[in-house]
Amino acid sequence: MLKGYMNGIEAAEIISKKLKIPVIFLSDLNDDETFLSAVDTNPYAFIPKPFEPEQIEKALNTALKEIK
């Protein structure tokens, strides 16, 4: 959880759209509402906790291929 007035989804939207930096969500908030809100930001991946290291590796590889 982020401190302050902005949540992670709002921060990701700014990072993705304004700064053009790929976003990968890693979250223990796995409810449908959170997931659908996160997907609206067009992330490269949404990885629920608990996770396997391979999930992170695959998401990073996908994101890096897209930004080349």
C-alpha atoms as a PDB file:
ATOM      1  CA  MET A   1       0.000   0.000   0.000  1.00  0.00           C
ATOM      2  CA  LEU A   2       1.212   3.456  -0.845  1.00  0.00           C
ATOM      3  CA  LYS A   3       1.245   6.178   1.755  1.00  0.00           C
ATOM      4  CA  GLY A   4      -0.681   9.330   1.029  1.00  0.00           C
ATOM      5  CA  TYR A   5      -3.697  10.119  -1.094  1.00  0.00           C
ATOM      6  CA  MET A   6      -2.884   8.008  -4.156  1.00  0.00           C
ATOM      7  CA  ASN A   7      -3.323   4.249  -4.444  1.00  0.00           C
ATOM      8  CA  GLY A   8      -1.116   1.926  -6.487  1.00  0.00           C
ATOM      9  CA  ILE A   9      -3.524   1.772  -9.401  1.00  0.00           C
ATOM     10  CA  GLU A  10      -3.645   5.554  -9.694  1.00  0.00           C
ATOM     11  CA  ALA A  11       0.150   5.728  -9.487  1.00  0.00           C
ATOM     12  CA  ALA A  12       0.493   3.018 -12.140  1.00  0.00           C
ATOM     13  CA  GLU A  13      -1.804   4.915 -14.477  1.00  0.00           C
ATOM     14  CA  ILE A  14       0.370   8.025 -14.230  1.00  0.00           C
ATOM     15  CA  ILE A  15       3.589   6.039 -14.582  1.00  0.00           C
ATOM     16  CA  SER A  16       2.295   4.135 -17.586  1.00  0.00           C
ATOM     17  CA  LYS A  17       0.542   6.899 -19.502  1.00  0.00           C
ATOM     18  CA  LYS A  18       2.522  10.033 -18.706  1.00  0.00           C
ATOM     19  CA  LEU A  19       5.988   8.593 -18.184  1.00  0.00           C
ATOM     20  CA  LYS A  20       5.659   5.693 -20.661  1.00  0.00           C
ATOM     21  CA  ILE A  21       7.160   3.217 -18.192  1.00  0.00           C
ATOM     22  CA  PRO A  22       5.812  -0.359 -18.229  1.00  0.00           C
ATOM     23  CA  VAL A  23       3.891  -1.400 -15.134  1.00  0.00           C
ATOM     24  CA  ILE A  24       3.657  -4.844 -13.553  1.00  0.00           C
ATOM     25  CA  PHE A  25       1.284  -5.225 -10.625  1.00  0.00           C
ATOM     26  CA  LEU A  26       2.294  -7.428  -7.702  1.00  0.00           C
ATOM     27  CA  SER A  27      -0.529  -7.433  -5.189  1.00  0.00           C
ATOM     28  CA  ASP A  28      -2.186  -9.336  -2.399  1.00  0.00           C
ATOM     29  CA  LEU A  29      -5.442  -7.559  -3.268  1.00  0.00           C
ATOM     30  CA  ASN A  30      -6.990 -10.171  -5.540  1.00  0.00           C
ATOM     31  CA  ASP A  31     -10.646  -9.208  -5.532  1.00  0.00           C
ATOM     32  CA  ASP A  32     -12.389  -8.676  -8.860  1.00  0.00           C
ATOM     33  CA  GLU A  33     -12.815  -4.921  -8.383  1.00  0.00           C
ATOM     34  CA  THR A  34      -9.095  -4.366  -7.761  1.00  0.00           C
ATOM     35  CA  PHE A  35      -8.108  -6.640 -10.631  1.00  0.00           C
ATOM     36  CA  LEU A  36     -10.467  -4.917 -13.104  1.00  0.00           C
ATOM     37  CA  SER A  37      -9.281  -1.469 -11.998  1.00  0.00           C
ATOM     38  CA  ALA A  38      -5.673  -2.546 -12.458  1.00  0.00           C
ATOM     39  CA  VAL A  39      -6.368  -4.050 -15.893  1.00  0.00           C
ATOM     40  CA  ASP A  40      -7.835  -0.706 -17.012  1.00  0.00           C
ATOM     41  CA  THR A  41      -4.315   0.762 -16.758  1.00  0.00           C
ATOM     42  CA  ASN A  42      -3.022  -1.737 -19.366  1.00  0.00           C
ATOM     43  CA  PRO A  43      -0.277  -3.287 -17.251  1.00  0.00           C
ATOM     44  CA  TYR A  44       2.190  -5.773 -18.677  1.00  0.00           C
ATOM     45  CA  ALA A  45       1.142  -8.224 -15.969  1.00  0.00           C
ATOM     46  CA  PHE A  46      -0.875  -8.639 -12.789  1.00  0.00           C
ATOM     47  CA  ILE A  47       0.750 -11.099 -10.404  1.00  0.00           C
ATOM     48  CA  PRO A  48      -1.186 -12.083  -7.293  1.00  0.00           C
ATOM     49  CA  LYS A  49       0.559 -12.898  -4.032  1.00  0.00           C
ATOM     50  CA  PRO A  50       1.747 -15.423  -3.147  1.00  0.00           C
ATOM     51  CA  PHE A  51       3.741 -15.742  -6.335  1.00  0.00           C
ATOM     52  CA  GLU A  52       6.425 -17.909  -7.844  1.00  0.00           C
ATOM     53  CA  PRO A  53       9.693 -16.282  -8.986  1.00  0.00           C
ATOM     54  CA  GLU A  54       9.066 -17.620 -12.489  1.00  0.00           C
ATOM     55  CA  GLN A  55       5.960 -15.438 -12.740  1.00  0.00           C
ATOM     56  CA  ILE A  56       8.055 -12.327 -12.166  1.00  0.00           C
ATOM     57  CA  GLU A  57      10.685 -13.471 -14.642  1.00  0.00           C
ATOM     58  CA  LYS A  58       8.083 -14.092 -17.359  1.00  0.00           C
ATOM     59  CA  ALA A  59       6.384 -10.744 -16.746  1.00  0.00           C
ATOM     60  CA  LEU A  60       9.690  -8.868 -16.888  1.00  0.00           C
ATOM     61  CA  ASN A  61      10.745 -10.646 -20.075  1.00  0.00           C
ATOM     62  CA  THR A  62       7.425  -9.773 -21.696  1.00  0.00           C
ATOM     63  CA  ALA A  63       7.647  -6.123 -20.651  1.00  0.00           C
ATOM     64  CA  LEU A  64      11.249  -5.790 -21.826  1.00  0.00           C
ATOM     65  CA  LYS A  65      10.388  -7.224 -25.257  1.00  0.00           C
ATOM     66  CA  GLU A  66       7.542  -4.726 -25.615  1.00  0.00           C
ATOM     67  CA  ILE A  67       9.651  -1.654 -24.842  1.00  0.00           C
ATOM     68  CA  LYS A  68      12.497  -2.467 -27.240  1.00  0.00           C
END
